[in-house]
Amino acid sequence: MTRWLLLIPLILFLALAAFSLRGLGLNNEVLPSVLVDHPVPEFDLPPVAGRDKGLATSDLPAEVHLINVFGSWCQACLIEHPFLMELTREEIIPLYGIDWKDTPEQGARWLERFGDPYLLVGNDEIGRTVIDFGVTGAPETFIIDAKGRIRYRQVGPITPETWEKTLLPLIENLRAETLADPGT
C-alpha cells in the first residue's frame, strides 16, 4: 500500500506535464469569438468631435463590411492605419470605426492627423460597446456579412499578408453567398 502512495507524486507530475505539453501546441494567435455567426450587438455611439453623426447598428449596410476598433493611444493602430487608408482609397469594402477609450476630441485629432478611412465613426469613450463585441485590445476588426452577422474577428493589425491570406478570401466568399441568395 505504501508503495502506491509513493507513485502518486509521479502520476501527478506526468499528468501536469501532459497538460503543459498540450498547451504548448495550441495556437495562441487565434482568439475565438463567441459572437462569430451571431448578429452585431445593438449599439448607438455618439460621433467623434467635428462630425454630425456617430455610429449605430442601424447605420450598418446590408452588404459585407468591416467594423474596426481603434484608439489614439494604440501603437498597433498606427501600424494598421495606412492599410485601412488604402482600402478606403481603392473602395474595396465599406469601413466603419469605433474609437475606443478616447474623448471625442482625442479621436478627432488622431483621424485629422493620420487620415480618416471610415464612412462613420462612433466614440466609445467608456468602452461599453467594445465589451459587447468581446474586444480584448485594439486594433480589432470584424467582418460583418450582408445579414448583419459577425463572420470573423481579426485580432491585431490588418497587414497585407493577413488581408490576402485570410480576410479578402472570406470577404469574397461572403459576397458570393450574398449574390447567390438574393433574399439577403
Protein backbone atom coordinates (compact mmCIF):
# COMPACT_ATOMS: atom_id res chain seq x y z
CA MET A 1 0.00 0.00 0.00
CA THR A 2 2.77 2.45 0.85
CA ARG A 3 4.36 1.63 -2.46
CA TRP A 4 1.29 3.01 -4.31
CA LEU A 5 1.37 6.15 -2.21
CA LEU A 6 4.90 6.78 -3.42
CA LEU A 7 3.67 6.66 -7.04
CA ILE A 8 1.04 9.41 -6.56
CA PRO A 9 3.53 12.32 -6.94
CA LEU A 10 4.92 10.70 -10.10
CA ILE A 11 1.42 10.27 -11.56
CA LEU A 12 0.52 13.88 -10.72
CA PHE A 13 3.75 15.12 -12.31
CA LEU A 14 3.11 13.14 -15.50
CA ALA A 15 -0.45 14.45 -15.74
CA LEU A 16 0.73 18.04 -15.28
CA ALA A 17 3.47 17.53 -17.88
CA ALA A 18 0.94 16.15 -20.38
CA PHE A 19 -1.35 19.19 -19.96
CA SER A 20 1.61 21.55 -20.29
CA LEU A 21 2.83 19.91 -23.49
CA ARG A 22 -0.67 20.06 -24.96
CA GLY A 23 -0.87 23.78 -24.17
CA LEU A 24 2.42 24.45 -25.95
CA GLY A 25 0.92 23.09 -29.15
CA LEU A 26 -2.10 25.42 -29.14
CA ASN A 27 -2.17 28.42 -31.49
CA ASN A 28 -2.30 31.44 -29.20
CA GLU A 29 -2.59 33.87 -32.13
CA VAL A 30 -6.19 32.87 -32.79
CA LEU A 31 -8.66 34.22 -30.26
CA PRO A 32 -12.07 32.72 -30.90
CA SER A 33 -15.07 34.97 -30.58
CA VAL A 34 -18.34 33.75 -29.16
CA LEU A 35 -20.06 36.28 -31.40
CA VAL A 36 -18.98 34.74 -34.70
CA ASP A 37 -22.15 33.83 -36.63
CA HIS A 38 -24.25 35.98 -34.28
CA PRO A 39 -25.81 39.37 -35.05
CA VAL A 40 -23.83 42.52 -34.42
CA PRO A 41 -24.66 43.75 -30.91
CA GLU A 42 -27.10 46.67 -30.75
CA PHE A 43 -25.30 49.97 -30.18
CA ASP A 44 -25.71 53.69 -30.76
CA LEU A 45 -22.49 55.68 -30.33
CA PRO A 46 -22.04 59.45 -30.41
CA PRO A 47 -19.71 60.99 -33.01
CA VAL A 48 -16.10 61.99 -32.56
CA ALA A 49 -15.69 65.76 -32.36
CA GLY A 50 -16.43 67.68 -35.54
CA ARG A 51 -18.77 65.09 -37.03
CA ASP A 52 -22.53 65.37 -37.18
CA LYS A 53 -23.19 61.66 -36.88
CA GLY A 54 -21.83 58.81 -34.78
CA LEU A 55 -22.32 55.12 -35.49
CA ALA A 56 -25.26 52.87 -34.65
CA THR A 57 -26.24 49.35 -35.58
CA SER A 58 -28.98 50.83 -37.77
CA ASP A 59 -26.31 52.64 -39.85
CA LEU A 60 -24.64 49.43 -40.99
CA PRO A 61 -25.35 48.44 -44.60
CA ALA A 62 -26.95 45.23 -45.85
CA GLU A 63 -23.68 44.29 -47.55
CA VAL A 64 -20.37 42.84 -46.42
CA HIS A 65 -18.43 45.46 -44.45
CA LEU A 66 -15.81 45.92 -41.75
CA ILE A 67 -16.00 47.40 -38.27
CA ASN A 68 -12.59 48.46 -36.97
CA VAL A 69 -11.89 49.22 -33.31
CA PHE A 70 -9.06 51.71 -32.80
CA GLY A 71 -7.78 54.31 -30.36
CA SER A 72 -5.41 57.26 -30.44
CA TRP A 73 -3.41 55.59 -27.65
CA CYS A 74 -2.94 52.38 -29.68
CA GLN A 75 0.52 51.93 -31.21
CA ALA A 76 -0.55 48.91 -33.28
CA CYS A 77 -3.35 51.04 -34.77
CA LEU A 78 -0.67 53.27 -36.28
CA ILE A 79 0.83 50.22 -38.00
CA GLU A 80 -2.54 49.22 -39.43
CA HIS A 81 -3.82 52.68 -40.36
CA PRO A 82 -2.04 53.17 -43.73
CA PHE A 83 -3.51 49.89 -44.93
CA LEU A 84 -7.01 50.98 -43.88
CA MET A 85 -6.49 54.23 -45.78
CA GLU A 86 -5.54 52.20 -48.86
CA LEU A 87 -8.69 50.05 -48.56
CA THR A 88 -10.79 53.21 -48.48
CA ARG A 89 -8.93 54.91 -51.37
CA GLU A 90 -9.46 51.84 -53.52
CA GLU A 91 -13.09 51.49 -52.34
CA ILE A 92 -12.54 47.81 -51.62
CA ILE A 93 -15.02 47.47 -48.74
CA PRO A 94 -17.16 49.77 -46.59
CA LEU A 95 -15.26 50.53 -43.38
CA TYR A 96 -16.77 51.75 -40.12
CA GLY A 97 -14.85 52.73 -37.00
CA ILE A 98 -15.29 52.56 -33.25
CA ASP A 99 -12.95 54.91 -31.40
CA TRP A 100 -12.27 53.21 -28.07
CA LYS A 101 -11.20 54.83 -24.79
CA ASP A 102 -10.74 58.28 -26.29
CA THR A 103 -12.55 61.51 -25.68
CA PRO A 104 -14.38 62.71 -28.79
CA GLU A 105 -11.65 65.33 -29.23
CA GLN A 106 -8.75 62.83 -28.99
CA GLY A 107 -10.29 60.60 -31.65
CA ALA A 108 -10.97 63.55 -33.96
CA ARG A 109 -7.39 64.84 -33.63
CA TRP A 110 -5.98 61.37 -34.38
CA LEU A 111 -8.12 60.99 -37.51
CA GLU A 112 -7.24 64.51 -38.65
CA ARG A 113 -3.53 63.82 -38.21
CA PHE A 114 -3.36 60.35 -39.83
CA GLY A 115 -6.37 60.39 -42.15
CA ASP A 116 -9.93 59.20 -41.83
CA PRO A 117 -10.71 55.94 -43.66
CA TYR A 118 -14.15 55.46 -42.06
CA LEU A 119 -17.60 56.11 -43.50
CA LEU A 120 -18.87 56.66 -39.96
CA VAL A 121 -17.07 56.66 -36.60
CA GLY A 122 -18.62 56.22 -33.19
CA ASN A 123 -16.94 57.24 -29.96
CA ASP A 124 -16.94 54.54 -27.26
CA GLU A 125 -15.22 56.50 -24.52
CA ILE A 126 -16.36 54.25 -21.66
CA GLY A 127 -15.91 51.01 -23.64
CA ARG A 128 -19.39 49.51 -23.26
CA THR A 129 -19.86 48.72 -26.95
CA VAL A 130 -16.46 47.09 -27.40
CA ILE A 131 -17.22 44.89 -24.39
CA ASP A 132 -20.41 43.80 -26.17
CA PHE A 133 -18.25 42.90 -29.20
CA GLY A 134 -15.84 40.94 -26.98
CA VAL A 135 -12.88 43.15 -27.84
CA THR A 136 -9.74 42.40 -25.84
CA GLY A 137 -7.48 45.09 -27.29
CA ALA A 138 -7.05 47.40 -30.22
CA PRO A 139 -6.95 47.13 -33.10
CA GLU A 140 -9.60 44.54 -33.74
CA THR A 141 -11.61 44.28 -36.93
CA PHE A 142 -14.84 42.42 -37.55
CA ILE A 143 -16.12 41.19 -40.90
CA ILE A 144 -19.89 41.61 -40.98
CA ASP A 145 -21.99 39.84 -43.61
CA ALA A 146 -24.96 41.28 -45.52
CA LYS A 147 -27.36 39.91 -42.89
CA GLY A 148 -25.63 41.78 -40.10
CA ARG A 149 -23.85 38.79 -38.59
CA ILE A 150 -20.26 38.81 -37.36
CA ARG A 151 -18.40 36.34 -39.53
CA TYR A 152 -14.78 36.87 -38.48
CA ARG A 153 -12.73 38.63 -35.82
CA GLN A 154 -9.25 39.87 -36.71
CA VAL A 155 -7.20 40.48 -33.58
CA GLY A 156 -4.30 42.84 -34.14
CA PRO A 157 -3.37 44.94 -37.14
CA ILE A 158 -4.53 44.07 -40.62
CA THR A 159 -1.43 43.64 -42.73
CA PRO A 160 -1.20 42.99 -46.46
CA GLU A 161 -0.44 39.35 -45.61
CA THR A 162 -3.47 38.83 -43.34
CA TRP A 163 -5.59 40.67 -45.88
CA GLU A 164 -4.54 38.48 -48.82
CA LYS A 165 -4.45 35.14 -46.98
CA THR A 166 -7.42 35.42 -44.64
CA LEU A 167 -9.67 38.46 -44.87
CA LEU A 168 -10.06 39.02 -48.61
CA PRO A 169 -10.87 35.36 -49.42
CA LEU A 170 -13.53 35.36 -46.69
CA ILE A 171 -14.97 38.66 -47.91
CA GLU A 172 -15.12 37.35 -51.48
CA ASN A 173 -16.89 34.18 -50.29
CA LEU A 174 -19.41 36.20 -48.30
CA ARG A 175 -20.07 38.47 -51.27
CA ALA A 176 -20.61 35.40 -53.47
CA GLU A 177 -23.06 33.98 -50.90
CA THR A 178 -24.94 37.28 -50.94
CA LEU A 179 -25.20 37.20 -54.74
CA ALA A 180 -26.38 33.58 -54.65
CA ASP A 181 -29.07 34.44 -52.06
CA PRO A 182 -30.95 37.49 -53.37
CA GLY A 183 -33.20 37.43 -50.30
CA THR A 184 -30.36 38.88 -48.27
